[in-house]
Amino acid sequence: MKPLLLFLLLITSVIANDKGSASLFLFMNGKPIVEAQVEIDNKVTYKSNNKGTVKLFLETGLHSATIKEDGIAIASARFAIVKEEDTQVIFTLYEDKTREAKIDIEVSGNQNENATKEAIEA
């Protein structure tokens, strides 16, 4: 029984090491965007909480997040997930479409040089 338990713990730790986390923060005019649709890698959709945040655990590598309002994309960003680190993606959007969306991406406090970002004209 003990060898099996040790084996499972080892496998779990190896698998977990190939993941990192992403914390997405969504703001419109300085206020949290509540229940925004957040699509990850054009596959899975999450909703932001009452603080405008979404917390995810993803495989290492490049990923994308698209923020949608009423099914329409209003901003997107590509970001890197680093092994055992947290990538923070901060979307600062404005109702006034003449102001450009601001997207900041950091990995555990360091600027993420591999990340690319783009705001979508709505």
Protein backbone atom coordinates (compact mmCIF):
# COMPACT_ATOMS: atom_id res chain seq x y z
CA MET A 1 0.00 0.00 0.00
CA LYS A 2 2.77 2.46 0.90
CA PRO A 3 4.65 2.00 -2.41
CA LEU A 4 1.43 2.70 -4.30
CA LEU A 5 0.79 5.83 -2.25
CA LEU A 6 4.33 7.08 -2.82
CA PHE A 7 4.00 6.39 -6.54
CA LEU A 8 0.74 8.35 -6.72
CA LEU A 9 2.25 11.27 -4.81
CA LEU A 10 5.25 11.30 -7.14
CA ILE A 11 3.07 11.22 -10.27
CA THR A 12 0.83 13.98 -8.88
CA SER A 13 3.80 16.22 -8.11
CA VAL A 14 5.30 15.68 -11.58
CA ILE A 15 2.00 16.49 -13.28
CA ALA A 16 1.41 19.54 -11.07
CA ASN A 17 4.86 20.90 -11.95
CA ASP A 18 3.82 21.39 -15.56
CA LYS A 19 1.11 23.84 -14.55
CA GLY A 20 0.91 27.40 -13.44
CA SER A 21 -1.92 29.76 -12.63
CA ALA A 22 -3.50 32.80 -14.22
CA SER A 23 -5.27 35.56 -12.35
CA LEU A 24 -7.37 37.73 -14.65
CA PHE A 25 -8.62 41.09 -13.38
CA LEU A 26 -11.31 42.88 -15.41
CA PHE A 27 -12.16 46.56 -15.00
CA MET A 28 -14.46 48.94 -16.89
CA ASN A 29 -13.99 52.63 -16.07
CA GLY A 30 -12.10 51.62 -12.91
CA LYS A 31 -14.85 49.31 -11.60
CA PRO A 32 -14.85 45.48 -11.62
CA ILE A 33 -16.67 43.84 -14.52
CA VAL A 34 -18.99 41.36 -12.82
CA GLU A 35 -20.04 38.15 -14.64
CA ALA A 36 -18.07 38.97 -17.77
CA GLN A 37 -17.57 36.08 -20.16
CA VAL A 38 -13.91 35.06 -20.31
CA GLU A 39 -13.05 32.60 -23.06
CA ILE A 40 -9.74 30.73 -22.66
CA ASP A 41 -7.96 29.36 -25.74
CA ASN A 42 -11.16 29.68 -27.81
CA LYS A 43 -12.56 26.69 -25.92
CA VAL A 44 -13.69 27.13 -22.33
CA THR A 45 -15.73 30.06 -21.03
CA TYR A 46 -15.68 31.27 -17.43
CA LYS A 47 -17.47 34.15 -15.71
CA SER A 48 -15.76 36.78 -13.59
CA ASN A 49 -16.78 36.98 -9.94
CA ASN A 50 -18.17 40.01 -8.05
CA LYS A 51 -14.62 41.43 -7.83
CA GLY A 52 -14.11 41.14 -11.59
CA THR A 53 -11.59 38.31 -11.29
CA VAL A 54 -11.11 34.84 -12.73
CA LYS A 55 -8.52 32.40 -11.30
CA LEU A 56 -7.35 29.54 -13.52
CA PHE A 57 -4.84 26.69 -13.41
CA LEU A 58 -3.41 25.97 -16.87
CA GLU A 59 -0.68 23.96 -18.56
CA THR A 60 2.58 25.81 -19.15
CA GLY A 61 2.90 27.60 -22.49
CA LEU A 62 1.04 30.28 -24.41
CA HIS A 63 -2.67 30.82 -23.89
CA SER A 64 -5.27 33.38 -24.91
CA ALA A 65 -8.08 35.10 -23.05
CA THR A 66 -10.95 36.87 -24.78
CA ILE A 67 -13.31 39.08 -22.80
CA LYS A 68 -16.85 39.11 -24.15
CA GLU A 69 -19.82 41.27 -23.32
CA ASP A 70 -23.17 39.97 -24.56
CA GLY A 71 -21.25 37.50 -26.74
CA ILE A 72 -19.19 40.22 -28.44
CA ALA A 73 -15.39 40.27 -27.99
CA ILE A 74 -14.27 43.53 -26.38
CA ALA A 75 -10.63 42.69 -25.58
CA SER A 76 -8.17 39.83 -25.82
CA ALA A 77 -4.65 38.99 -24.73
CA ARG A 78 -2.12 36.24 -25.28
CA PHE A 79 -0.05 35.34 -22.23
CA ALA A 80 2.43 32.74 -21.08
CA ILE A 81 1.90 30.36 -18.19
CA VAL A 82 5.17 29.62 -16.42
CA LYS A 83 5.74 26.50 -14.36
CA GLU A 84 4.57 26.98 -10.75
CA GLU A 85 4.13 30.76 -11.22
CA ASP A 86 1.09 33.03 -11.34
CA THR A 87 0.50 35.11 -14.46
CA GLN A 88 -1.57 38.21 -13.77
CA VAL A 89 -3.50 39.69 -16.68
CA ILE A 90 -5.14 43.03 -15.91
CA PHE A 91 -7.71 44.32 -18.42
CA THR A 92 -8.54 48.01 -17.98
CA LEU A 93 -11.36 48.88 -20.39
CA TYR A 94 -13.38 52.03 -21.03
CA GLU A 95 -16.95 52.57 -22.21
CA ASP A 96 -15.62 55.57 -24.14
CA LYS A 97 -14.38 53.77 -27.26
CA THR A 98 -11.99 56.62 -28.10
CA ARG A 99 -9.84 55.49 -25.15
CA GLU A 100 -7.66 52.48 -25.86
CA ALA A 101 -7.96 49.42 -23.63
CA LYS A 102 -4.95 48.86 -21.39
CA ILE A 103 -3.76 45.30 -20.79
CA ASP A 104 -0.95 44.62 -18.32
CA ILE A 105 0.63 41.18 -18.04
CA GLU A 106 3.01 40.12 -15.27
CA VAL A 107 4.36 36.77 -14.07
CA SER A 108 4.80 36.72 -10.28
CA GLY A 109 5.72 40.40 -10.29
CA ASN A 110 8.01 40.29 -13.36
CA GLN A 111 7.01 41.67 -16.73
CA ASN A 112 6.09 38.80 -19.05
CA GLU A 113 8.30 39.42 -22.09
CA ASN A 114 6.85 36.48 -24.05
CA ALA A 115 3.29 37.74 -23.84
CA THR A 116 1.59 39.59 -26.65
CA LYS A 117 -1.53 41.62 -26.22
CA GLU A 118 -4.13 43.22 -28.38
CA ALA A 119 -7.32 45.16 -27.83
CA ILE A 120 -10.22 44.44 -30.16
CA GLU A 121 -12.19 47.33 -31.58
CA ALA A 122 -15.77 46.89 -30.43
